[in-house]
Amino acid sequence: MHSTSPAEAPLVREPRHVPVAHLVRGGVTEGVHYGSVVVLDEDGRAAFRLGDTEAAFYPRSALKPLQAVAMVRAGLPLEGELLSLAAASHSGEERHLDGTRRILRLAGLAEDRLRNVPDLPFDPAVRDAWVREGRGPSRLAQNCSGKHAAMLYTCTINGWSLDDYLDPAHPLQQAVAETVEDLTGQRVARVTVDGCGAPLFAVSLHGLARAAARITAAAPGTPEARVADAMRAYPEMASGAGRDVAALMRAVPGLLAKDGFEGVQVAALPDGRAVAVKIADGANRARIPVAAAALARAGVDPALLTDFAGEVVLGGGEPVGRVRPVPALEDTSVPACA
């Protein structure tokens, strides 16, 4: 399934996003979320697209499954819940902190070797309890700590230096870049720094969907399949209790899904069907309903997606509307468009 000769990097330009979701209140469109959507069929063809699916963009944490694949290819021996945590944007629950400590112990390292940015837990309830206990920002609590612990473990296995493991020129990050290009089928357009401090690679939305499809459709036992199996078996370890992305994986059999900051969502099925979504304004409330509509476009039974139809709009405490995908996404009779 791997590409042997990646295509040229996507163009760096202002994305040509289009409306993908409406906030409807009392029958009137009160707000419009712009973005882009791509749906791939089992053969990897773009069966449907809206907006600009070919411009370079940063997938943010939706890139984590690819980073995890790179680490497994480099010898990372994790399986199950700890491998899921290696691909996580976790909520900061105790199981996430304990899992990160376990990875560090396997590597023979202390928490002070982590180089992610100290932060409070991502989940609001967990964060509030954390603050009530008088605890401050922590590298362990930051939502990428599992990935960083796995990066350090990968470095120890390969004899690579630890202090500079976030340098784009480091062998670990070079291996990640090569895997990103392999799975997306295109050269990386730009490299920057993600919120956690790790290198972040710009690809296209189409390329991100293609990578997710290659991960989920990979042969059993391969690094790609190991990552997909771990995340699907332990979706709350890759996110957290009550998180929509975990609920989506629980609802749709065989689905691998990963979200990212700034309104990014990717999801793929074992037969290679995949969707990728970017919400231009980064609004989280539009991410899941648009992704659910795209999954229905990909052939997922809409009955499995009813809980992801969109946030209810309240007026006086009563429902008066909803955030919902644009008609072009919801109407499966509409053909694919550029």
C-alpha atoms as a PDB file:
ATOM      1  CA  MET A   1       0.000   0.000   0.000  1.00  0.00           C
ATOM      2  CA  HIS A   2       2.972   2.339   0.427  1.00  0.00           C
ATOM      3  CA  SER A   3       3.839   4.972  -2.157  1.00  0.00           C
ATOM      4  CA  THR A   4       7.357   4.482  -3.545  1.00  0.00           C
ATOM      5  CA  SER A   5       7.557   7.887  -5.197  1.00  0.00           C
ATOM      6  CA  PRO A   6       5.598  10.642  -3.457  1.00  0.00           C
ATOM      7  CA  ALA A   7       4.040  13.296  -5.644  1.00  0.00           C
ATOM      8  CA  GLU A   8       5.064  16.927  -5.447  1.00  0.00           C
ATOM      9  CA  ALA A   9       4.162  18.856  -2.310  1.00  0.00           C
ATOM     10  CA  PRO A  10       0.765  20.567  -2.263  1.00  0.00           C
ATOM     11  CA  LEU A  11       0.746  24.279  -2.994  1.00  0.00           C
ATOM     12  CA  VAL A  12       1.002  26.723  -0.119  1.00  0.00           C
ATOM     13  CA  ARG A  13      -1.815  29.195  -0.778  1.00  0.00           C
ATOM     14  CA  GLU A  14      -4.847  30.708   0.888  1.00  0.00           C
ATOM     15  CA  PRO A  15      -7.298  27.778   0.923  1.00  0.00           C
ATOM     16  CA  ARG A  16     -10.413  28.166  -1.225  1.00  0.00           C
ATOM     17  CA  HIS A  17     -12.821  27.033   1.462  1.00  0.00           C
ATOM     18  CA  VAL A  18     -16.593  26.966   0.930  1.00  0.00           C
ATOM     19  CA  PRO A  19     -19.594  26.749   3.299  1.00  0.00           C
ATOM     20  CA  VAL A  20     -19.751  23.310   4.912  1.00  0.00           C
ATOM     21  CA  ALA A  21     -22.054  23.912   7.909  1.00  0.00           C
ATOM     22  CA  HIS A  22     -24.832  26.288   8.917  1.00  0.00           C
ATOM     23  CA  LEU A  23     -25.914  27.381  12.363  1.00  0.00           C
ATOM     24  CA  VAL A  24     -29.699  27.526  11.984  1.00  0.00           C
ATOM     25  CA  ARG A  25     -31.846  29.288  14.597  1.00  0.00           C
ATOM     26  CA  GLY A  26     -35.609  29.429  14.200  1.00  0.00           C
ATOM     27  CA  GLY A  27     -35.403  28.496  10.527  1.00  0.00           C
ATOM     28  CA  VAL A  28     -32.882  31.244   9.737  1.00  0.00           C
ATOM     29  CA  THR A  29     -29.195  30.683   8.971  1.00  0.00           C
ATOM     30  CA  GLU A  30     -27.513  32.636  11.743  1.00  0.00           C
ATOM     31  CA  GLY A  31     -23.946  31.547  11.072  1.00  0.00           C
ATOM     32  CA  VAL A  32     -21.891  29.866   8.375  1.00  0.00           C
ATOM     33  CA  HIS A  33     -18.804  27.719   8.866  1.00  0.00           C
ATOM     34  CA  TYR A  34     -16.489  27.506   5.873  1.00  0.00           C
ATOM     35  CA  GLY A  35     -14.171  24.595   5.264  1.00  0.00           C
ATOM     36  CA  SER A  36     -13.252  21.699   3.010  1.00  0.00           C
ATOM     37  CA  VAL A  37     -14.234  18.019   2.871  1.00  0.00           C
ATOM     38  CA  VAL A  38     -12.989  15.005   0.937  1.00  0.00           C
ATOM     39  CA  VAL A  39     -14.482  11.498   0.776  1.00  0.00           C
ATOM     40  CA  LEU A  40     -12.438   8.599  -0.645  1.00  0.00           C
ATOM     41  CA  ASP A  41     -13.932   5.349  -1.922  1.00  0.00           C
ATOM     42  CA  GLU A  42     -12.448   1.864  -1.441  1.00  0.00           C
ATOM     43  CA  ASP A  43     -10.109   2.386  -4.395  1.00  0.00           C
ATOM     44  CA  GLY A  44      -8.725   5.641  -3.044  1.00  0.00           C
ATOM     45  CA  ARG A  45     -10.583   7.832  -5.521  1.00  0.00           C
ATOM     46  CA  ALA A  46     -12.119  11.122  -4.389  1.00  0.00           C
ATOM     47  CA  ALA A  47     -15.819  10.221  -4.516  1.00  0.00           C
ATOM     48  CA  PHE A  48     -16.881  13.612  -3.152  1.00  0.00           C
ATOM     49  CA  ARG A  49     -15.225  16.882  -2.309  1.00  0.00           C
ATOM     50  CA  LEU A  50     -16.134  20.374  -1.217  1.00  0.00           C
ATOM     51  CA  GLY A  51     -13.831  23.340  -0.998  1.00  0.00           C
ATOM     52  CA  ASP A  52     -10.067  23.119  -1.351  1.00  0.00           C
ATOM     53  CA  THR A  53      -8.799  19.610  -0.656  1.00  0.00           C
ATOM     54  CA  GLU A  54      -5.431  20.055  -2.394  1.00  0.00           C
ATOM     55  CA  ALA A  55      -3.914  23.131  -0.723  1.00  0.00           C
ATOM     56  CA  ALA A  56      -1.257  22.639   1.947  1.00  0.00           C
ATOM     57  CA  PHE A  57      -2.549  22.747   5.517  1.00  0.00           C
ATOM     58  CA  TYR A  58      -1.460  21.570   8.956  1.00  0.00           C
ATOM     59  CA  PRO A  59      -3.373  18.492  10.195  1.00  0.00           C
ATOM     60  CA  ARG A  60      -2.408  19.259  13.793  1.00  0.00           C
ATOM     61  CA  SER A  61      -3.103  16.261  16.049  1.00  0.00           C
ATOM     62  CA  ALA A  62      -4.850  14.392  13.241  1.00  0.00           C
ATOM     63  CA  LEU A  63      -1.272  13.612  12.200  1.00  0.00           C
ATOM     64  CA  LYS A  64      -0.645  11.544  15.344  1.00  0.00           C
ATOM     65  CA  PRO A  65      -1.597   8.149  13.878  1.00  0.00           C
ATOM     66  CA  LEU A  66       1.031   8.754  11.176  1.00  0.00           C
ATOM     67  CA  GLN A  67       3.603   9.713  13.798  1.00  0.00           C
ATOM     68  CA  ALA A  68       2.764   6.527  15.708  1.00  0.00           C
ATOM     69  CA  VAL A  69       3.204   4.437  12.558  1.00  0.00           C
ATOM     70  CA  ALA A  70       6.631   6.022  12.053  1.00  0.00           C
ATOM     71  CA  MET A  71       7.636   5.083  15.588  1.00  0.00           C
ATOM     72  CA  VAL A  72       6.447   1.489  15.211  1.00  0.00           C
ATOM     73  CA  ARG A  73       8.353   1.245  11.930  1.00  0.00           C
ATOM     74  CA  ALA A  74      11.412   2.441  13.858  1.00  0.00           C
ATOM     75  CA  GLY A  75      11.027  -0.351  16.397  1.00  0.00           C
ATOM     76  CA  LEU A  76       8.617   0.978  19.053  1.00  0.00           C
ATOM     77  CA  PRO A  77       7.338  -2.250  20.689  1.00  0.00           C
ATOM     78  CA  LEU A  78       4.165  -0.859  22.280  1.00  0.00           C
ATOM     79  CA  GLU A  79       0.815  -2.562  21.743  1.00  0.00           C
ATOM     80  CA  GLY A  80      -2.768  -2.098  22.908  1.00  0.00           C
ATOM     81  CA  GLU A  81      -3.635   0.767  25.204  1.00  0.00           C
ATOM     82  CA  LEU A  82      -0.091   2.137  25.377  1.00  0.00           C
ATOM     83  CA  LEU A  83       0.196   2.278  21.596  1.00  0.00           C
ATOM     84  CA  SER A  84      -3.186   4.007  21.472  1.00  0.00           C
ATOM     85  CA  LEU A  85      -1.832   6.521  23.997  1.00  0.00           C
ATOM     86  CA  ALA A  86       1.199   7.083  21.749  1.00  0.00           C
ATOM     87  CA  ALA A  87      -1.247   8.413  19.125  1.00  0.00           C
ATOM     88  CA  ALA A  88      -3.376  10.313  21.630  1.00  0.00           C
ATOM     89  CA  SER A  89      -4.617  13.798  22.250  1.00  0.00           C
ATOM     90  CA  HIS A  90      -5.613  12.689  25.715  1.00  0.00           C
ATOM     91  CA  SER A  91      -7.850  14.344  28.280  1.00  0.00           C
ATOM     92  CA  GLY A  92      -5.413  14.188  31.174  1.00  0.00           C
ATOM     93  CA  GLU A  93      -7.301  11.488  33.055  1.00  0.00           C
ATOM     94  CA  GLU A  94      -5.391   9.361  35.552  1.00  0.00           C
ATOM     95  CA  ARG A  95      -5.229   6.451  33.094  1.00  0.00           C
ATOM     96  CA  HIS A  96      -3.485   8.737  30.591  1.00  0.00           C
ATOM     97  CA  LEU A  97      -0.974   9.981  33.138  1.00  0.00           C
ATOM     98  CA  ASP A  98      -0.337   6.457  34.399  1.00  0.00           C
ATOM     99  CA  GLY A  99       0.067   5.165  30.839  1.00  0.00           C
ATOM    100  CA  THR A 100       2.606   7.866  30.041  1.00  0.00           C
ATOM    101  CA  ARG A 101       4.548   6.969  33.183  1.00  0.00           C
ATOM    102  CA  ARG A 102       4.497   3.306  32.108  1.00  0.00           C
ATOM    103  CA  ILE A 103       5.962   4.178  28.700  1.00  0.00           C
ATOM    104  CA  LEU A 104       8.691   6.240  30.355  1.00  0.00           C
ATOM    105  CA  ARG A 105       9.489   3.371  32.738  1.00  0.00           C
ATOM    106  CA  LEU A 106       9.816   0.995  29.786  1.00  0.00           C
ATOM    107  CA  ALA A 107      12.294   3.460  28.306  1.00  0.00           C
ATOM    108  CA  GLY A 108      14.124   3.744  31.641  1.00  0.00           C
ATOM    109  CA  LEU A 109      13.483   7.484  31.748  1.00  0.00           C
ATOM    110  CA  ALA A 110      12.106  10.013  34.212  1.00  0.00           C
ATOM    111  CA  GLU A 111       9.340  12.522  33.519  1.00  0.00           C
ATOM    112  CA  ASP A 112      11.857  15.363  33.305  1.00  0.00           C
ATOM    113  CA  ARG A 113      13.061  14.002  29.942  1.00  0.00           C
ATOM    114  CA  LEU A 114       9.758  15.023  28.346  1.00  0.00           C
ATOM    115  CA  ARG A 115      10.059  18.156  26.190  1.00  0.00           C
ATOM    116  CA  ASN A 116       6.393  18.867  25.480  1.00  0.00           C
ATOM    117  CA  VAL A 117       4.965  22.134  26.797  1.00  0.00           C
ATOM    118  CA  PRO A 118       3.616  22.032  30.386  1.00  0.00           C
ATOM    119  CA  ASP A 119      -0.156  22.455  30.468  1.00  0.00           C
ATOM    120  CA  LEU A 120      -3.290  21.686  32.437  1.00  0.00           C
ATOM    121  CA  PRO A 121      -5.420  18.648  31.498  1.00  0.00           C
ATOM    122  CA  PHE A 122      -7.452  19.075  28.301  1.00  0.00           C
ATOM    123  CA  ASP A 123     -10.797  17.851  29.655  1.00  0.00           C
ATOM    124  CA  PRO A 124     -12.638  20.700  31.477  1.00  0.00           C
ATOM    125  CA  ALA A 125     -13.863  18.533  34.377  1.00  0.00           C
ATOM    126  CA  VAL A 126     -10.467  16.904  34.835  1.00  0.00           C
ATOM    127  CA  ARG A 127      -8.814  20.320  34.596  1.00  0.00           C
ATOM    128  CA  ASP A 128     -11.129  21.820  37.241  1.00  0.00           C
ATOM    129  CA  ALA A 129     -10.411  18.962  39.645  1.00  0.00           C
ATOM    130  CA  TRP A 130      -6.690  19.346  38.943  1.00  0.00           C
ATOM    131  CA  VAL A 131      -6.799  23.056  39.807  1.00  0.00           C
ATOM    132  CA  ARG A 132      -8.902  22.447  42.950  1.00  0.00           C
ATOM    133  CA  GLU A 133      -6.138  20.127  44.125  1.00  0.00           C
ATOM    134  CA  GLY A 134      -3.685  22.999  43.757  1.00  0.00           C
ATOM    135  CA  ARG A 135      -1.797  21.440  40.863  1.00  0.00           C
ATOM    136  CA  GLY A 136      -0.220  23.568  38.151  1.00  0.00           C
ATOM    137  CA  PRO A 137       0.703  22.989  34.506  1.00  0.00           C
ATOM    138  CA  SER A 138       2.556  19.737  33.918  1.00  0.00           C
ATOM    139  CA  ARG A 139       4.275  18.073  30.979  1.00  0.00           C
ATOM    140  CA  LEU A 140       2.622  14.822  32.036  1.00  0.00           C
ATOM    141  CA  ALA A 141      -0.876  16.372  32.003  1.00  0.00           C
ATOM    142  CA  GLN A 142      -0.432  18.025  28.601  1.00  0.00           C
ATOM    143  CA  ASN A 143      -2.497  16.185  25.991  1.00  0.00           C
ATOM    144  CA  CYS A 144       0.494  15.043  23.890  1.00  0.00           C
ATOM    145  CA  SER A 145       2.540  13.502  26.706  1.00  0.00           C
ATOM    146  CA  GLY A 146       1.857   9.927  25.544  1.00  0.00           C
ATOM    147  CA  LYS A 147       3.236  10.725  22.104  1.00  0.00           C
ATOM    148  CA  HIS A 148       6.305  12.400  23.579  1.00  0.00           C
ATOM    149  CA  ALA A 149       6.985   9.483  25.927  1.00  0.00           C
ATOM    150  CA  ALA A 150       6.729   7.121  22.940  1.00  0.00           C
ATOM    151  CA  MET A 151       9.101   9.339  20.967  1.00  0.00           C
ATOM    152  CA  LEU A 152      11.641   9.114  23.778  1.00  0.00           C
ATOM    153  CA  TYR A 153      11.190   5.336  23.982  1.00  0.00           C
ATOM    154  CA  THR A 154      11.762   5.069  20.223  1.00  0.00           C
ATOM    155  CA  CYS A 155      14.951   7.072  20.605  1.00  0.00           C
ATOM    156  CA  THR A 156      16.304   4.864  23.398  1.00  0.00           C
ATOM    157  CA  ILE A 157      15.635   1.725  21.329  1.00  0.00           C
ATOM    158  CA  ASN A 158      17.588   3.156  18.391  1.00  0.00           C
ATOM    159  CA  GLY A 159      20.376   4.750  20.399  1.00  0.00           C
ATOM    160  CA  TRP A 160      19.362   8.222  19.256  1.00  0.00           C
ATOM    161  CA  SER A 161      20.000  11.340  21.329  1.00  0.00           C
ATOM    162  CA  LEU A 162      17.242  12.386  23.708  1.00  0.00           C
ATOM    163  CA  ASP A 163      17.688  16.084  24.461  1.00  0.00           C
ATOM    164  CA  ASP A 164      17.093  17.149  20.850  1.00  0.00           C
ATOM    165  CA  TYR A 165      14.412  14.618  19.863  1.00  0.00           C
ATOM    166  CA  LEU A 166      12.104  17.466  18.731  1.00  0.00           C
ATOM    167  CA  ASP A 167      14.613  18.899  16.275  1.00  0.00           C
ATOM    168  CA  PRO A 168      13.321  18.408  12.691  1.00  0.00           C
ATOM    169  CA  ALA A 169      16.812  17.202  11.752  1.00  0.00           C
ATOM    170  CA  HIS A 170      16.786  14.492  14.435  1.00  0.00           C
ATOM    171  CA  PRO A 171      16.672  10.900  13.094  1.00  0.00           C
ATOM    172  CA  LEU A 172      13.302  10.353  14.781  1.00  0.00           C
ATOM    173  CA  GLN A 173      11.697  13.357  13.123  1.00  0.00           C
ATOM    174  CA  GLN A 174      13.293  12.485   9.799  1.00  0.00           C
ATOM    175  CA  ALA A 175      11.676   9.049  10.108  1.00  0.00           C
ATOM    176  CA  VAL A 176       8.332  10.702  10.858  1.00  0.00           C
ATOM    177  CA  ALA A 177       8.664  12.978   7.819  1.00  0.00           C
ATOM    178  CA  GLU A 178       9.457   9.994   5.587  1.00  0.00           C
ATOM    179  CA  THR A 179       6.407   8.128   6.895  1.00  0.00           C
ATOM    180  CA  VAL A 180       4.159  11.149   6.386  1.00  0.00           C
ATOM    181  CA  GLU A 181       5.302  11.414   2.771  1.00  0.00           C
ATOM    182  CA  ASP A 182       4.923   7.671   2.256  1.00  0.00           C
ATOM    183  CA  LEU A 183       1.389   7.425   3.661  1.00  0.00           C
ATOM    184  CA  THR A 184       0.040  10.663   2.198  1.00  0.00           C
ATOM    185  CA  GLY A 185       1.682   9.985  -1.170  1.00  0.00           C
ATOM    186  CA  GLN A 186       3.038  13.527  -1.422  1.00  0.00           C
ATOM    187  CA  ARG A 187       6.013  15.585  -0.355  1.00  0.00           C
ATOM    188  CA  VAL A 188       5.733  17.686   2.772  1.00  0.00           C
ATOM    189  CA  ALA A 189       5.039  21.303   1.840  1.00  0.00           C
ATOM    190  CA  ARG A 190       6.240  23.038   4.997  1.00  0.00           C
ATOM    191  CA  VAL A 191       7.530  22.149   8.465  1.00  0.00           C
ATOM    192  CA  THR A 192       6.643  24.148  11.567  1.00  0.00           C
ATOM    193  CA  VAL A 193       6.228  23.537  15.312  1.00  0.00           C
ATOM    194  CA  ASP A 194       3.007  22.150  16.743  1.00  0.00           C
ATOM    195  CA  GLY A 195       1.541  23.380  20.027  1.00  0.00           C
ATOM    196  CA  CYS A 196       3.292  20.632  21.993  1.00  0.00           C
ATOM    197  CA  GLY A 197       6.694  21.474  20.499  1.00  0.00           C
ATOM    198  CA  ALA A 198       6.965  18.580  18.026  1.00  0.00           C
ATOM    199  CA  PRO A 199       7.589  19.182  14.318  1.00  0.00           C
ATOM    200  CA  LEU A 200       4.386  19.524  12.291  1.00  0.00           C
ATOM    201  CA  PHE A 201       4.201  18.729   8.581  1.00  0.00           C
ATOM    202  CA  ALA A 202       1.961  20.431   6.024  1.00  0.00           C
ATOM    203  CA  VAL A 203       0.174  18.142   3.568  1.00  0.00           C
ATOM    204  CA  SER A 204      -3.151  18.356   1.741  1.00  0.00           C
ATOM    205  CA  LEU A 205      -6.530  17.315   3.120  1.00  0.00           C
ATOM    206  CA  HIS A 206      -6.684  14.737   0.335  1.00  0.00           C
ATOM    207  CA  GLY A 207      -3.286  13.419   1.400  1.00  0.00           C
ATOM    208  CA  LEU A 208      -4.398  13.136   5.024  1.00  0.00           C
ATOM    209  CA  ALA A 209      -7.437  11.090   3.997  1.00  0.00           C
ATOM    210  CA  ARG A 210      -5.237   8.888   1.835  1.00  0.00           C
ATOM    211  CA  ALA A 211      -2.895   8.262   4.770  1.00  0.00           C
ATOM    212  CA  ALA A 212      -5.769   7.284   7.066  1.00  0.00           C
ATOM    213  CA  ALA A 213      -7.059   4.875   4.427  1.00  0.00           C
ATOM    214  CA  ARG A 214      -3.643   3.256   4.102  1.00  0.00           C
ATOM    215  CA  ILE A 215      -3.408   2.818   7.864  1.00  0.00           C
ATOM    216  CA  THR A 216      -6.814   1.174   8.240  1.00  0.00           C
ATOM    217  CA  ALA A 217      -6.570  -0.994   5.109  1.00  0.00           C
ATOM    218  CA  ALA A 218      -3.053  -2.271   5.850  1.00  0.00           C
ATOM    219  CA  ALA A 219      -2.297  -5.968   6.199  1.00  0.00           C
ATOM    220  CA  PRO A 220      -2.560  -7.465   9.709  1.00  0.00           C
ATOM    221  CA  GLY A 221       0.603  -7.205  11.765  1.00  0.00           C
ATOM    222  CA  THR A 222       2.053  -4.263   9.872  1.00  0.00           C
ATOM    223  CA  PRO A 223       2.948  -1.090  11.786  1.00  0.00           C
ATOM    224  CA  GLU A 224      -0.086   0.626  10.230  1.00  0.00           C
ATOM    225  CA  ALA A 225      -2.466  -2.139  11.299  1.00  0.00           C
ATOM    226  CA  ARG A 226      -0.973  -2.254  14.788  1.00  0.00           C
ATOM    227  CA  VAL A 227      -1.660   1.458  15.277  1.00  0.00           C
ATOM    228  CA  ALA A 228      -5.182   1.199  13.843  1.00  0.00           C
ATOM    229  CA  ASP A 229      -6.012  -1.857  15.956  1.00  0.00           C
ATOM    230  CA  ALA A 230      -4.746  -0.207  19.139  1.00  0.00           C
ATOM    231  CA  MET A 231      -6.683   3.016  18.617  1.00  0.00           C
ATOM    232  CA  ARG A 232      -9.897   1.180  17.707  1.00  0.00           C
ATOM    233  CA  ALA A 233      -9.608  -1.178  20.688  1.00  0.00           C
ATOM    234  CA  TYR A 234      -8.851   1.649  23.128  1.00  0.00           C
ATOM    235  CA  PRO A 235     -10.482   4.811  21.713  1.00  0.00           C
ATOM    236  CA  GLU A 236     -10.749   6.473  25.144  1.00  0.00           C
ATOM    237  CA  MET A 237      -7.006   6.014  25.604  1.00  0.00           C
ATOM    238  CA  ALA A 238      -6.457   7.956  22.369  1.00  0.00           C
ATOM    239  CA  SER A 239      -8.814  10.697  23.574  1.00  0.00           C
ATOM    240  CA  GLY A 240     -10.835  10.436  26.791  1.00  0.00           C
ATOM    241  CA  ALA A 241     -14.128   9.634  28.444  1.00  0.00           C
ATOM    242  CA  GLY A 242     -17.003  11.516  26.851  1.00  0.00           C
ATOM    243  CA  ARG A 243     -14.950  12.701  23.868  1.00  0.00           C
ATOM    244  CA  ASP A 244     -16.837  12.756  20.568  1.00  0.00           C
ATOM    245  CA  VAL A 245     -14.060  11.090  18.585  1.00  0.00           C
ATOM    246  CA  ALA A 246     -14.089   8.081  20.929  1.00  0.00           C
ATOM    247  CA  ALA A 247     -17.880   7.882  20.720  1.00  0.00           C
ATOM    248  CA  LEU A 248     -17.677   7.965  16.930  1.00  0.00           C
ATOM    249  CA  MET A 249     -15.268   5.016  16.891  1.00  0.00           C
ATOM    250  CA  ARG A 250     -17.522   3.102  19.278  1.00  0.00           C
ATOM    251  CA  ALA A 251     -20.566   3.809  17.117  1.00  0.00           C
ATOM    252  CA  VAL A 252     -19.170   2.784  13.724  1.00  0.00           C
ATOM    253  CA  PRO A 253     -17.651  -0.724  13.608  1.00  0.00           C
ATOM    254  CA  GLY A 254     -14.055  -0.739  12.401  1.00  0.00           C
ATOM    255  CA  LEU A 255     -13.748   3.042  12.213  1.00  0.00           C
ATOM    256  CA  LEU A 256     -10.481   4.784  13.012  1.00  0.00           C
ATOM    257  CA  ALA A 257     -10.951   8.469  13.798  1.00  0.00           C
ATOM    258  CA  LYS A 258      -8.620  11.233  14.959  1.00  0.00           C
ATOM    259  CA  ASP A 259      -9.321  14.885  15.589  1.00  0.00           C
ATOM    260  CA  GLY A 260      -6.981  17.851  15.590  1.00  0.00           C
ATOM    261  CA  PHE A 261      -7.041  21.443  16.793  1.00  0.00           C
ATOM    262  CA  GLU A 262      -8.344  24.095  14.412  1.00  0.00           C
ATOM    263  CA  GLY A 263     -11.274  22.009  13.212  1.00  0.00           C
ATOM    264  CA  VAL A 264      -9.533  18.970  11.716  1.00  0.00           C
ATOM    265  CA  GLN A 265     -11.075  15.495  11.599  1.00  0.00           C
ATOM    266  CA  VAL A 266     -10.013  12.369   9.735  1.00  0.00           C
ATOM    267  CA  ALA A 267     -11.712   8.971   9.771  1.00  0.00           C
ATOM    268  CA  ALA A 268     -11.267   5.751   7.814  1.00  0.00           C
ATOM    269  CA  LEU A 269     -12.779   2.279   7.528  1.00  0.00           C
ATOM    270  CA  PRO A 270     -10.981  -1.064   7.095  1.00  0.00           C
ATOM    271  CA  ASP A 271     -11.891  -1.279   3.399  1.00  0.00           C
ATOM    272  CA  GLY A 272     -10.063   1.979   2.656  1.00  0.00           C
ATOM    273  CA  ARG A 273     -12.993   4.382   2.595  1.00  0.00           C
ATOM    274  CA  ALA A 274     -11.941   7.586   4.300  1.00  0.00           C
ATOM    275  CA  VAL A 275     -13.007  11.166   4.985  1.00  0.00           C
ATOM    276  CA  ALA A 276     -11.097  14.268   6.022  1.00  0.00           C
ATOM    277  CA  VAL A 277     -12.522  17.574   7.206  1.00  0.00           C
ATOM    278  CA  LYS A 278     -11.037  20.996   7.858  1.00  0.00           C
ATOM    279  CA  ILE A 279     -13.199  23.733   9.378  1.00  0.00           C
ATOM    280  CA  ALA A 280     -11.697  27.054   8.319  1.00  0.00           C
ATOM    281  CA  ASP A 281     -12.427  28.981  11.507  1.00  0.00           C
ATOM    282  CA  GLY A 282     -11.352  26.089  13.722  1.00  0.00           C
ATOM    283  CA  ALA A 283     -14.824  25.735  15.241  1.00  0.00           C
ATOM    284  CA  ASN A 284     -15.150  22.463  17.099  1.00  0.00           C
ATOM    285  CA  ARG A 285     -18.963  22.519  16.901  1.00  0.00           C
ATOM    286  CA  ALA A 286     -18.884  22.085  13.109  1.00  0.00           C
ATOM    287  CA  ARG A 287     -16.191  19.390  12.987  1.00  0.00           C
ATOM    288  CA  ILE A 288     -18.165  16.310  14.034  1.00  0.00           C
ATOM    289  CA  PRO A 289     -21.479  16.932  12.196  1.00  0.00           C
ATOM    290  CA  VAL A 290     -19.588  17.642   8.968  1.00  0.00           C
ATOM    291  CA  ALA A 291     -17.465  14.517   9.463  1.00  0.00           C
ATOM    292  CA  ALA A 292     -20.586  12.448  10.198  1.00  0.00           C
ATOM    293  CA  ALA A 293     -22.241  13.696   7.014  1.00  0.00           C
ATOM    294  CA  ALA A 294     -19.082  12.850   5.081  1.00  0.00           C
ATOM    295  CA  LEU A 295     -19.098   9.334   6.560  1.00  0.00           C
ATOM    296  CA  ALA A 296     -22.698   8.907   5.441  1.00  0.00           C
ATOM    297  CA  ARG A 297     -21.514  10.021   2.009  1.00  0.00           C
ATOM    298  CA  ALA A 298     -18.887   7.278   2.219  1.00  0.00           C
ATOM    299  CA  GLY A 299     -21.611   4.702   2.777  1.00  0.00           C
ATOM    300  CA  VAL A 300     -21.778   4.428   6.569  1.00  0.00           C
ATOM    301  CA  ASP A 301     -25.308   3.643   7.770  1.00  0.00           C
ATOM    302  CA  PRO A 302     -26.812   7.020   8.796  1.00  0.00           C
ATOM    303  CA  ALA A 303     -28.557   5.273  11.698  1.00  0.00           C
ATOM    304  CA  LEU A 304     -25.129   4.821  13.291  1.00  0.00           C
ATOM    305  CA  LEU A 305     -24.456   8.555  13.035  1.00  0.00           C
ATOM    306  CA  THR A 306     -27.586  10.067  14.581  1.00  0.00           C
ATOM    307  CA  ASP A 307     -25.773  11.061  17.782  1.00  0.00           C
ATOM    308  CA  PHE A 308     -23.354  13.166  15.724  1.00  0.00           C
ATOM    309  CA  ALA A 309     -25.892  15.209  13.765  1.00  0.00           C
ATOM    310  CA  GLY A 310     -24.826  18.534  15.260  1.00  0.00           C
ATOM    311  CA  GLU A 311     -24.997  20.701  18.348  1.00  0.00           C
ATOM    312  CA  VAL A 312     -28.477  21.853  19.331  1.00  0.00           C
ATOM    313  CA  VAL A 313     -29.050  25.625  19.414  1.00  0.00           C
ATOM    314  CA  LEU A 314     -30.979  26.780  22.484  1.00  0.00           C
ATOM    315  CA  GLY A 315     -33.331  29.712  22.960  1.00  0.00           C
ATOM    316  CA  GLY A 316     -34.669  30.307  26.435  1.00  0.00           C
ATOM    317  CA  GLY A 317     -33.348  26.915  27.386  1.00  0.00           C
ATOM    318  CA  GLU A 318     -35.329  25.152  24.641  1.00  0.00           C
ATOM    319  CA  PRO A 319     -34.101  23.756  21.302  1.00  0.00           C
ATOM    320  CA  VAL A 320     -34.663  26.257  18.489  1.00  0.00           C
ATOM    321  CA  GLY A 321     -32.150  25.098  15.906  1.00  0.00           C
ATOM    322  CA  ARG A 322     -29.011  23.127  15.192  1.00  0.00           C
ATOM    323  CA  VAL A 323     -25.553  23.239  13.666  1.00  0.00           C
ATOM    324  CA  ARG A 324     -25.937  21.150  10.550  1.00  0.00           C
ATOM    325  CA  PRO A 325     -23.971  20.339   7.400  1.00  0.00           C
ATOM    326  CA  VAL A 326     -24.804  22.182   4.191  1.00  0.00           C
ATOM    327  CA  PRO A 327     -27.384  20.461   1.925  1.00  0.00           C
ATOM    328  CA  ALA A 328     -24.703  19.452  -0.589  1.00  0.00           C
ATOM    329  CA  LEU A 329     -23.166  17.221   2.081  1.00  0.00           C
ATOM    330  CA  GLU A 330     -26.426  15.813   3.400  1.00  0.00           C
ATOM    331  CA  ASP A 331     -27.971  15.102  -0.003  1.00  0.00           C
ATOM    332  CA  THR A 332     -26.296  11.929  -1.251  1.00  0.00           C
ATOM    333  CA  SER A 333     -27.879  12.393  -4.671  1.00  0.00           C
ATOM    334  CA  VAL A 334     -25.580  15.343  -5.323  1.00  0.00           C
ATOM    335  CA  PRO A 335     -22.528  14.203  -7.349  1.00  0.00           C
ATOM    336  CA  ALA A 336     -18.938  14.862  -6.390  1.00  0.00           C
ATOM    337  CA  CYS A 337     -17.782  18.422  -6.982  1.00  0.00           C
ATOM    338  CA  ALA A 338     -14.522  20.282  -6.894  1.00  0.00           C
END
